[in-house]
Structures are given as structure tokens and as C-alpha cells.
Amino acid sequence: MNGPAQASIAKAREEFLAMVDSIRPDLHRYCARLTGSVIEGEDIVQETLAKAFYTLTLTPDLPPLRP
């Protein structure tokens, strides 16, 4: 994959990361407390955000992220 498709995905990724930037610290803190491990908490956050990035491409409307 290259060219316009790759540029489009990169742009969408940057927009997504900017959108979740404000809630990421709270999400990480919550996951770290839940698991008892900062490292495992970060793993969960990364997996969750990867799933969210994919899922958001399937929905027409952006759901509220904070809840």
C-alpha cells in the first residue's frame, strides 16, 4: 500500500491520536490501577486504542469518548 491510501491512513491516525490525547492519561491511570501494573496498563491502553481506531472507521458518528 502506498500513495494516497497510505497518506489517508496516516492522516486518520494523526487525527485519532490528537482526539484521544486528552483522555489517554486518565485511561492509562485507570488501567494501571485495575491491573496493578503500569506496564500492563499501557498494553491495555494501546490495544484498546488500536481497536477503537479500527471501530471508528466503521461508524458514521463519533461516539463520546470520555464515558
PDB file of N, CA and C in Angstrom:
ATOM      1  N   MET A   1       0.855  -1.167   0.000  1.00  0.00           N
ATOM      2  CA  MET A   1       0.000   0.000   0.000  1.00  0.00           C
ATOM      3  C   MET A   1       0.898   1.225   0.000  1.00  0.00           C
ATOM      4  N   ASN A   2       0.620   2.144  -0.889  1.00  0.00           N
ATOM      5  CA  ASN A   2       1.389   3.372  -0.934  1.00  0.00           C
ATOM      6  C   ASN A   2       0.570   4.476  -1.560  1.00  0.00           C
ATOM      7  N   GLY A   3       1.144   5.628  -1.637  1.00  0.00           N
ATOM      8  CA  GLY A   3       0.481   6.747  -2.277  1.00  0.00           C
ATOM      9  C   GLY A   3      -0.650   7.320  -1.462  1.00  0.00           C
ATOM     10  N   PRO A   4      -1.774   7.651  -2.119  1.00  0.00           N
ATOM     11  CA  PRO A   4      -2.894   8.322  -1.459  1.00  0.00           C
ATOM     12  C   PRO A   4      -3.505   7.519  -0.306  1.00  0.00           C
ATOM     13  N   ALA A   5      -3.603   6.201  -0.467  1.00  0.00           N
ATOM     14  CA  ALA A   5      -4.198   5.381   0.597  1.00  0.00           C
ATOM     15  C   ALA A   5      -3.351   5.445   1.861  1.00  0.00           C
ATOM     16  N   GLN A   6      -2.053   5.329   1.704  1.00  0.00           N
ATOM     17  CA  GLN A   6      -1.151   5.375   2.853  1.00  0.00           C
ATOM     18  C   GLN A   6      -1.195   6.758   3.509  1.00  0.00           C
ATOM     19  N   ALA A   7      -1.250   7.802   2.720  1.00  0.00           N
ATOM     20  CA  ALA A   7      -1.333   9.159   3.252  1.00  0.00           C
ATOM     21  C   ALA A   7      -2.645   9.372   3.997  1.00  0.00           C
ATOM     22  N   SER A   8      -3.723   8.796   3.481  1.00  0.00           N
ATOM     23  CA  SER A   8      -5.028   8.917   4.121  1.00  0.00           C
ATOM     24  C   SER A   8      -5.043   8.216   5.473  1.00  0.00           C
ATOM     25  N   ILE A   9      -4.464   7.040   5.538  1.00  0.00           N
ATOM     26  CA  ILE A   9      -4.398   6.296   6.800  1.00  0.00           C
ATOM     27  C   ILE A   9      -3.532   7.044   7.809  1.00  0.00           C
ATOM     28  N   ALA A  10      -2.408   7.579   7.357  1.00  0.00           N
ATOM     29  CA  ALA A  10      -1.521   8.333   8.248  1.00  0.00           C
ATOM     30  C   ALA A  10      -2.232   9.563   8.800  1.00  0.00           C
ATOM     31  N   LYS A  11      -2.999  10.245   7.953  1.00  0.00           N
ATOM     32  CA  LYS A  11      -3.739  11.427   8.397  1.00  0.00           C
ATOM     33  C   LYS A  11      -4.811  11.035   9.410  1.00  0.00           C
ATOM     34  N   ALA A  12      -5.543   9.956   9.134  1.00  0.00           N
ATOM     35  CA  ALA A  12      -6.577   9.488  10.049  1.00  0.00           C
ATOM     36  C   ALA A  12      -5.971   9.089  11.392  1.00  0.00           C
ATOM     37  N   ARG A  13      -4.812   8.460  11.354  1.00  0.00           N
ATOM     38  CA  ARG A  13      -4.129   8.052  12.586  1.00  0.00           C
ATOM     39  C   ARG A  13      -3.746   9.272  13.419  1.00  0.00           C
ATOM     40  N   GLU A  14      -3.189  10.283  12.776  1.00  0.00           N
ATOM     41  CA  GLU A  14      -2.798  11.503  13.484  1.00  0.00           C
ATOM     42  C   GLU A  14      -4.017  12.207  14.087  1.00  0.00           C
ATOM     43  N   GLU A  15      -5.114  12.257  13.337  1.00  0.00           N
ATOM     44  CA  GLU A  15      -6.343  12.872  13.847  1.00  0.00           C
ATOM     45  C   GLU A  15      -6.883  12.096  15.041  1.00  0.00           C
ATOM     46  N   PHE A  16      -6.834  10.761  14.963  1.00  0.00           N
ATOM     47  CA  PHE A  16      -7.314   9.931  16.060  1.00  0.00           C
ATOM     48  C   PHE A  16      -6.461  10.155  17.307  1.00  0.00           C
ATOM     49  N   LEU A  17      -5.147  10.148  17.145  1.00  0.00           N
ATOM     50  CA  LEU A  17      -4.255  10.343  18.287  1.00  0.00           C
ATOM     51  C   LEU A  17      -4.462  11.716  18.919  1.00  0.00           C
ATOM     52  N   ALA A  18      -4.712  12.729  18.120  1.00  0.00           N
ATOM     53  CA  ALA A  18      -4.988  14.059  18.658  1.00  0.00           C
ATOM     54  C   ALA A  18      -6.309  14.065  19.430  1.00  0.00           C
ATOM     55  N   MET A  19      -7.289  13.304  18.920  1.00  0.00           N
ATOM     56  CA  MET A  19      -8.603  13.244  19.545  1.00  0.00           C
ATOM     57  C   MET A  19      -8.539  12.559  20.919  1.00  0.00           C
ATOM     58  N   VAL A  20      -7.735  11.526  21.066  1.00  0.00           N
ATOM     59  CA  VAL A  20      -7.680  10.778  22.330  1.00  0.00           C
ATOM     60  C   VAL A  20      -6.576  11.272  23.260  1.00  0.00           C
ATOM     61  N   ASP A  21      -5.818  12.250  22.813  1.00  0.00           N
ATOM     62  CA  ASP A  21      -4.687  12.752  23.605  1.00  0.00           C
ATOM     63  C   ASP A  21      -5.114  13.203  25.002  1.00  0.00           C
ATOM     64  N   SER A  22      -6.249  13.845  25.117  1.00  0.00           N
ATOM     65  CA  SER A  22      -6.671  14.381  26.419  1.00  0.00           C
ATOM     66  C   SER A  22      -7.170  13.300  27.379  1.00  0.00           C
ATOM     67  N   ILE A  23      -7.663  12.176  26.851  1.00  0.00           N
ATOM     68  CA  ILE A  23      -8.181  11.131  27.743  1.00  0.00           C
ATOM     69  C   ILE A  23      -7.187  10.002  27.989  1.00  0.00           C
ATOM     70  N   ARG A  24      -6.121   9.957  27.222  1.00  0.00           N
ATOM     71  CA  ARG A  24      -5.152   8.867  27.352  1.00  0.00           C
ATOM     72  C   ARG A  24      -4.538   8.761  28.753  1.00  0.00           C
ATOM     73  N   PRO A  25      -4.105   9.868  29.375  1.00  0.00           N
ATOM     74  CA  PRO A  25      -3.533   9.739  30.726  1.00  0.00           C
ATOM     75  C   PRO A  25      -4.526   9.149  31.738  1.00  0.00           C
ATOM     76  N   ASP A  26      -5.779   9.595  31.683  1.00  0.00           N
ATOM     77  CA  ASP A  26      -6.793   9.060  32.594  1.00  0.00           C
ATOM     78  C   ASP A  26      -7.048   7.584  32.319  1.00  0.00           C
ATOM     79  N   LEU A  27      -7.096   7.222  31.053  1.00  0.00           N
ATOM     80  CA  LEU A  27      -7.308   5.830  30.676  1.00  0.00           C
ATOM     81  C   LEU A  27      -6.149   4.961  31.149  1.00  0.00           C
ATOM     82  N   HIS A  28      -4.939   5.451  30.980  1.00  0.00           N
ATOM     83  CA  HIS A  28      -3.768   4.695  31.429  1.00  0.00           C
ATOM     84  C   HIS A  28      -3.764   4.549  32.948  1.00  0.00           C
ATOM     85  N   ARG A  29      -4.055   5.616  33.653  1.00  0.00           N
ATOM     86  CA  ARG A  29      -4.108   5.559  35.119  1.00  0.00           C
ATOM     87  C   ARG A  29      -5.137   4.523  35.574  1.00  0.00           C
ATOM     88  N   TYR A  30      -6.311   4.545  34.963  1.00  0.00           N
ATOM     89  CA  TYR A  30      -7.365   3.592  35.313  1.00  0.00           C
ATOM     90  C   TYR A  30      -6.919   2.153  35.057  1.00  0.00           C
ATOM     91  N   CYS A  31      -6.347   1.901  33.878  1.00  0.00           N
ATOM     92  CA  CYS A  31      -5.921   0.543  33.522  1.00  0.00           C
ATOM     93  C   CYS A  31      -4.763   0.072  34.404  1.00  0.00           C
ATOM     94  N   ALA A  32      -3.854   0.966  34.744  1.00  0.00           N
ATOM     95  CA  ALA A  32      -2.739   0.602  35.617  1.00  0.00           C
ATOM     96  C   ALA A  32      -3.243   0.232  37.006  1.00  0.00           C
ATOM     97  N   ARG A  33      -4.201   0.987  37.509  1.00  0.00           N
ATOM     98  CA  ARG A  33      -4.777   0.649  38.826  1.00  0.00           C
ATOM     99  C   ARG A  33      -5.542  -0.664  38.765  1.00  0.00           C
ATOM    100  N   LEU A  34      -6.252  -0.869  37.691  1.00  0.00           N
ATOM    101  CA  LEU A  34      -7.049  -2.083  37.528  1.00  0.00           C
ATOM    102  C   LEU A  34      -6.168  -3.326  37.503  1.00  0.00           C
ATOM    103  N   THR A  35      -5.025  -3.241  36.816  1.00  0.00           N
ATOM    104  CA  THR A  35      -4.150  -4.404  36.678  1.00  0.00           C
ATOM    105  C   THR A  35      -3.072  -4.468  37.752  1.00  0.00           C
ATOM    106  N   GLY A  36      -2.797  -3.332  38.404  1.00  0.00           N
ATOM    107  CA  GLY A  36      -1.728  -3.299  39.391  1.00  0.00           C
ATOM    108  C   GLY A  36      -0.357  -3.160  38.759  1.00  0.00           C
ATOM    109  N   SER A  37      -0.305  -2.841  37.468  1.00  0.00           N
ATOM    110  CA  SER A  37       0.961  -2.734  36.756  1.00  0.00           C
ATOM    111  C   SER A  37       0.896  -1.607  35.731  1.00  0.00           C
ATOM    112  N   VAL A  38       1.866  -0.704  35.804  1.00  0.00           N
ATOM    113  CA  VAL A  38       1.929   0.398  34.848  1.00  0.00           C
ATOM    114  C   VAL A  38       2.147  -0.148  33.436  1.00  0.00           C
ATOM    115  N   ILE A  39       2.999  -1.150  33.317  1.00  0.00           N
ATOM    116  CA  ILE A  39       3.308  -1.711  32.002  1.00  0.00           C
ATOM    117  C   ILE A  39       2.092  -2.423  31.402  1.00  0.00           C
ATOM    118  N   GLU A  40       1.425  -3.250  32.192  1.00  0.00           N
ATOM    119  CA  GLU A  40       0.222  -3.925  31.695  1.00  0.00           C
ATOM    120  C   GLU A  40      -0.878  -2.919  31.380  1.00  0.00           C
ATOM    121  N   GLY A  41      -0.964  -1.859  32.189  1.00  0.00           N
ATOM    122  CA  GLY A  41      -1.945  -0.803  31.927  1.00  0.00           C
ATOM    123  C   GLY A  41      -1.698  -0.154  30.579  1.00  0.00           C
ATOM    124  N   GLU A  42      -0.420   0.094  30.260  1.00  0.00           N
ATOM    125  CA  GLU A  42      -0.092   0.694  28.961  1.00  0.00           C
ATOM    126  C   GLU A  42      -0.422  -0.263  27.822  1.00  0.00           C
ATOM    127  N   ASP A  43      -0.160  -1.556  28.019  1.00  0.00           N
ATOM    128  CA  ASP A  43      -0.509  -2.542  26.995  1.00  0.00           C
ATOM    129  C   ASP A  43      -2.007  -2.533  26.707  1.00  0.00           C
ATOM    130  N   ILE A  44      -2.798  -2.464  27.767  1.00  0.00           N
ATOM    131  CA  ILE A  44      -4.256  -2.449  27.605  1.00  0.00           C
ATOM    132  C   ILE A  44      -4.703  -1.186  26.879  1.00  0.00           C
ATOM    133  N   VAL A  45      -4.111  -0.055  27.238  1.00  0.00           N
ATOM    134  CA  VAL A  45      -4.457   1.202  26.574  1.00  0.00           C
ATOM    135  C   VAL A  45      -4.134   1.116  25.082  1.00  0.00           C
ATOM    136  N   GLN A  46      -2.968   0.618  24.745  1.00  0.00           N
ATOM    137  CA  GLN A  46      -2.588   0.514  23.341  1.00  0.00           C
ATOM    138  C   GLN A  46      -3.524  -0.411  22.571  1.00  0.00           C
ATOM    139  N   GLU A  47      -3.856  -1.556  23.149  1.00  0.00           N
ATOM    140  CA  GLU A  47      -4.772  -2.484  22.479  1.00  0.00           C
ATOM    141  C   GLU A  47      -6.156  -1.856  22.310  1.00  0.00           C
ATOM    142  N   THR A  48      -6.615  -1.181  23.345  1.00  0.00           N
ATOM    143  CA  THR A  48      -7.931  -0.554  23.297  1.00  0.00           C
ATOM    144  C   THR A  48      -7.984   0.542  22.242  1.00  0.00           C
ATOM    145  N   LEU A  49      -6.945   1.361  22.193  1.00  0.00           N
ATOM    146  CA  LEU A  49      -6.929   2.437  21.204  1.00  0.00           C
ATOM    147  C   LEU A  49      -6.812   1.889  19.785  1.00  0.00           C
ATOM    148  N   ALA A  50      -6.081   0.816  19.609  1.00  0.00           N
ATOM    149  CA  ALA A  50      -5.990   0.196  18.277  1.00  0.00           C
ATOM    150  C   ALA A  50      -7.360  -0.324  17.841  1.00  0.00           C
ATOM    151  N   LYS A  51      -8.081  -0.961  18.755  1.00  0.00           N
ATOM    152  CA  LYS A  51      -9.424  -1.448  18.432  1.00  0.00           C
ATOM    153  C   LYS A  51     -10.374  -0.282  18.161  1.00  0.00           C
ATOM    154  N   ALA A  52     -10.252   0.778  18.948  1.00  0.00           N
ATOM    155  CA  ALA A  52     -11.110   1.951  18.759  1.00  0.00           C
ATOM    156  C   ALA A  52     -10.844   2.602  17.408  1.00  0.00           C
ATOM    157  N   PHE A  53      -9.577   2.705  17.024  1.00  0.00           N
ATOM    158  CA  PHE A  53      -9.226   3.302  15.731  1.00  0.00           C
ATOM    159  C   PHE A  53      -9.893   2.524  14.600  1.00  0.00           C
ATOM    160  N   TYR A  54      -9.831   1.216  14.666  1.00  0.00           N
ATOM    161  CA  TYR A  54     -10.457   0.385  13.634  1.00  0.00           C
ATOM    162  C   TYR A  54     -11.982   0.538  13.673  1.00  0.00           C
ATOM    163  N   THR A  55     -12.555   0.475  14.859  1.00  0.00           N
ATOM    164  CA  THR A  55     -14.011   0.517  15.001  1.00  0.00           C
ATOM    165  C   THR A  55     -14.580   1.854  14.544  1.00  0.00           C
ATOM    166  N   LEU A  56     -13.867   2.934  14.817  1.00  0.00           N
ATOM    167  CA  LEU A  56     -14.370   4.248  14.414  1.00  0.00           C
ATOM    168  C   LEU A  56     -14.496   4.383  12.905  1.00  0.00           C
ATOM    169  N   THR A  57     -13.717   3.611  12.156  1.00  0.00           N
ATOM    170  CA  THR A  57     -13.849   3.667  10.698  1.00  0.00           C
ATOM    171  C   THR A  57     -15.136   3.004  10.224  1.00  0.00           C
ATOM    172  N   LEU A  58     -15.759   2.225  11.092  1.00  0.00           N
ATOM    173  CA  LEU A  58     -16.980   1.510  10.727  1.00  0.00           C
ATOM    174  C   LEU A  58     -18.257   2.241  11.128  1.00  0.00           C
ATOM    175  N   THR A  59     -18.141   3.307  11.926  1.00  0.00           N
ATOM    176  CA  THR A  59     -19.316   4.012  12.414  1.00  0.00           C
ATOM    177  C   THR A  59     -19.406   5.394  11.770  1.00  0.00           C
ATOM    178  N   PRO A  60     -20.618   5.808  11.391  1.00  0.00           N
ATOM    179  CA  PRO A  60     -20.765   7.121  10.760  1.00  0.00           C
ATOM    180  C   PRO A  60     -20.628   8.290  11.740  1.00  0.00           C
ATOM    181  N   ASP A  61     -21.025   8.073  13.006  1.00  0.00           N
ATOM    182  CA  ASP A  61     -20.996   9.143  14.002  1.00  0.00           C
ATOM    183  C   ASP A  61     -19.950   8.831  15.070  1.00  0.00           C
ATOM    184  N   LEU A  62     -19.319   9.873  15.565  1.00  0.00           N
ATOM    185  CA  LEU A  62     -18.308   9.714  16.599  1.00  0.00           C
ATOM    186  C   LEU A  62     -18.997   9.606  17.952  1.00  0.00           C
ATOM    187  N   PRO A  63     -18.816   8.492  18.667  1.00  0.00           N
ATOM    188  CA  PRO A  63     -19.421   8.364  19.988  1.00  0.00           C
ATOM    189  C   PRO A  63     -18.635   9.185  21.005  1.00  0.00           C
ATOM    190  N   PRO A  64     -19.238   9.491  22.156  1.00  0.00           N
ATOM    191  CA  PRO A  64     -18.494  10.213  23.185  1.00  0.00           C
ATOM    192  C   PRO A  64     -17.376   9.331  23.718  1.00  0.00           C
ATOM    193  N   LEU A  65     -16.177   9.872  23.813  1.00  0.00           N
ATOM    194  CA  LEU A  65     -15.029   9.074  24.219  1.00  0.00           C
ATOM    195  C   LEU A  65     -14.854   8.992  25.735  1.00  0.00           C
ATOM    196  N   ARG A  66     -15.222   9.999  26.463  1.00  0.00           N
ATOM    197  CA  ARG A  66     -14.993  10.026  27.903  1.00  0.00           C
ATOM    198  C   ARG A  66     -15.721   8.884  28.630  1.00  0.00           C
ATOM    199  N   PRO A  67     -17.022   8.659  28.385  1.00  0.00           N
ATOM    200  CA  PRO A  67     -17.688   7.557  29.106  1.00  0.00           C
ATOM    201  C   PRO A  67     -17.076   6.214  28.749  1.00  0.00           C
TER     202      PRO A  67
END
